[in-house]
Amino acid sequence: MAQGWYKEWVKGWKIGEADWQMMTTMEEQEEHMIASMKYILVTGGVISGIGKGIIASSVGTILKSCGLHVTAIKIDPYINIDAGTFSPYEHGEVFVLDDGGEVDLDLGNYERFLDIRLTKDNNLTTGKIYQSVINKERRGDYLGKTVQVVPHITDAIQEWVMRQAKVPVDDDDVEPQVCVIELGGTVGDIESMPFIEAFRQFQFKVKRENFCNIHVSLVPQPSATGEQKTKPTQNSVRELRGLGLSPDLIMCRCSTPLENSVKEKISMFCHVEPEQVICVHDVSSIYRVPLLLENQGVVGYFSHRLDLPIETRPRKMLAKWKEMSDRSDRLLEHCSIALVGKYTKFSDSYASVIKALEHSALAISHKLEVKYVDSADLEPSTLQEEPVKYHEAWQKLCSADGILVPGGFGVRGTEGKIQAINWARRQKKPFLGVCLGMQLAVCEFARNMLDWKDANSTEFDPETKHPVVIDMPEHNPGQMGGTMRLGKRRTIFKTKNSILRKLYGDVDYVEERHRHRFESSSNMLDMVNPELKQHFEDKGFHFVGEDVEGERMEIIELDGAKLPITVWYRCWKPSSCRRSSLALF
């Protein structure tokens, strides 16, 4: 490790140069560095989906506003290696990182809130840990010992966290000072036990002044009585303490602000001061949560508890955050977007797309209304079977200000998406197709403007005579996980007249994140018909962006449309709470 980095780190933590030089060996310096890293573990109780991800992101945000470098790790106790093979109905969307990691959507929250860039190792799963330990055992790294959950699995968890906490995530490439760790699931789940035990040991390894635990719990308020109930929180904290972790802060999720008597009761039965009981009640926007925590003295508590070198001057970043939240609440003008997808029953299936739309709407001072349209409801078969549902779906589509067709897999609902794309093109409605939305835009145009009635993707019709979308060479149909075109890729603009190019600031190329198995390929088009691509261009269907090799069509724009854009890449990278996605803008 370079000495220059150590000097920068020393400067950040105000260690005297003379003291630093006294640590004569690199090992001593690294031991001191490990001891000085601050770890904040976020656990949850009572129910899953309680909001640990937003609270972890908010804690990171207020600490970053104090001038600290913050990273985040999400631990998922499931046995899957990563989130790549999940249905969106399981855990919501699969979030993709620059390095191609397919991870939990909470890492999207971390990136949006903290404006950082994470890697696939920031998402730790039971599958990854066991795979790592088993690989070591096969190599003989354990020297013939019996490999057990304790100490081998728990040691592997601790080593992973300590190693990943040191990886820079900011643009300045400075090593983080604080690591926020979210443990997924609920305390007491059997699959979480090795992680709980690992952190029980971890708190002693890194010392008390470098580790604290936030426990997020539910305080329900039954409508029959209107009384806030503390018993679920008491039981949850009791179980956590029985497993060897004592919460430093108890963050109570509730529908209305906690009454003082309720705070005092939780304090008394959960062995914390009343100031350590934090109310996280329902607010108008998730972007108000960092302000809610700040107003209850969370920064001051961390400063004292973890001995953090926090700046005392006014925090410009948090002031901007407050201004953004206030402006969001005051918006009067509305814009509506019809999101035509397959997984519309669960909004988290399109979390990044929705957040990118929200940020873009806020950038132009509009309040976003998303109209979820199940693409299958737009198909003629639904008119025969459920005419009311069919007409309701078309009413939503036709009344929206714009139409967005996001990514997806499988044939179900694709004809309904093509119907929506056809309507948007004919009515000159602002339209954005993302990933599968772009594939189907190519199919729709080929069918209706080039009169290739069977034009399709080989994913949906392997025998089509006009395969305008094909599978990619790197896709392995025999194995599902990690076999797509993943991560940040460069797209080259082929013309100066592109609308999207102007939105990006007239740059020569953009780098965005991809996740797909199929492509609109210039090579394949040439193989089918040497003049096929030109047929599209002659009709005003322009391929304005290609990959670096010039083999894959990445961006399409249509003559005469208000928003004539379809793109391969998805809305994972550019959108943060302070910077909107330019494709959606």
Foldseek 3Di string as FASTA:
>chain_A
DDVVLVVVVCVQVVDDPVVVVVLPDPVSSVLVLLLQAAEEEEAEADFFPLCSLLLLLLVQLVQVLLVFAEAEAEEALDQDQACQPDDCVPQAAFFFFQVFAGHHCSVLSNCQSVVWGADNLSYHYNNNLVVVLVVCVVVCVVVPDDDDLPPRSLVSVLVSCSVRQQAHTDPVRRGGRYYYYYYGDHQPDPSCLSVLLSVLVVCPVSDQLRYAYEYEYEFEQDPVHRDTHCVRVLVRLVSSVVSRHQHAAYEYEYADWDDQVSLVVCCVSRVYDSLRYAYDHDDPDSLCRSVSCVVSCVVVVNCVSNVRPGDPDDRPSVVVSVVLVVLLVPQDAAAEEEEEEAPLVDVSNQVLVVLLLCLVCSVVRHHYDYHYAHLLLCDPVVCVVPVVSNVVRVVSLVPGQAYEYEDDADDPSLVSLLVSLVVCVVVLGAYEYEAVGVQSNVQSCCCPVVVLVQEHDCRHPVPRLHHQKYFDPQADVVDRPPRFQWRKFKKAFPDQPDPLCVLVPVDGIDIATAGDGMFRFLVVLCVSPVCRQVSCVVQQWDQGIDGPVRTGRAWIAGPPHPNRIYGHGDSRPQHHNNGHDSSSD
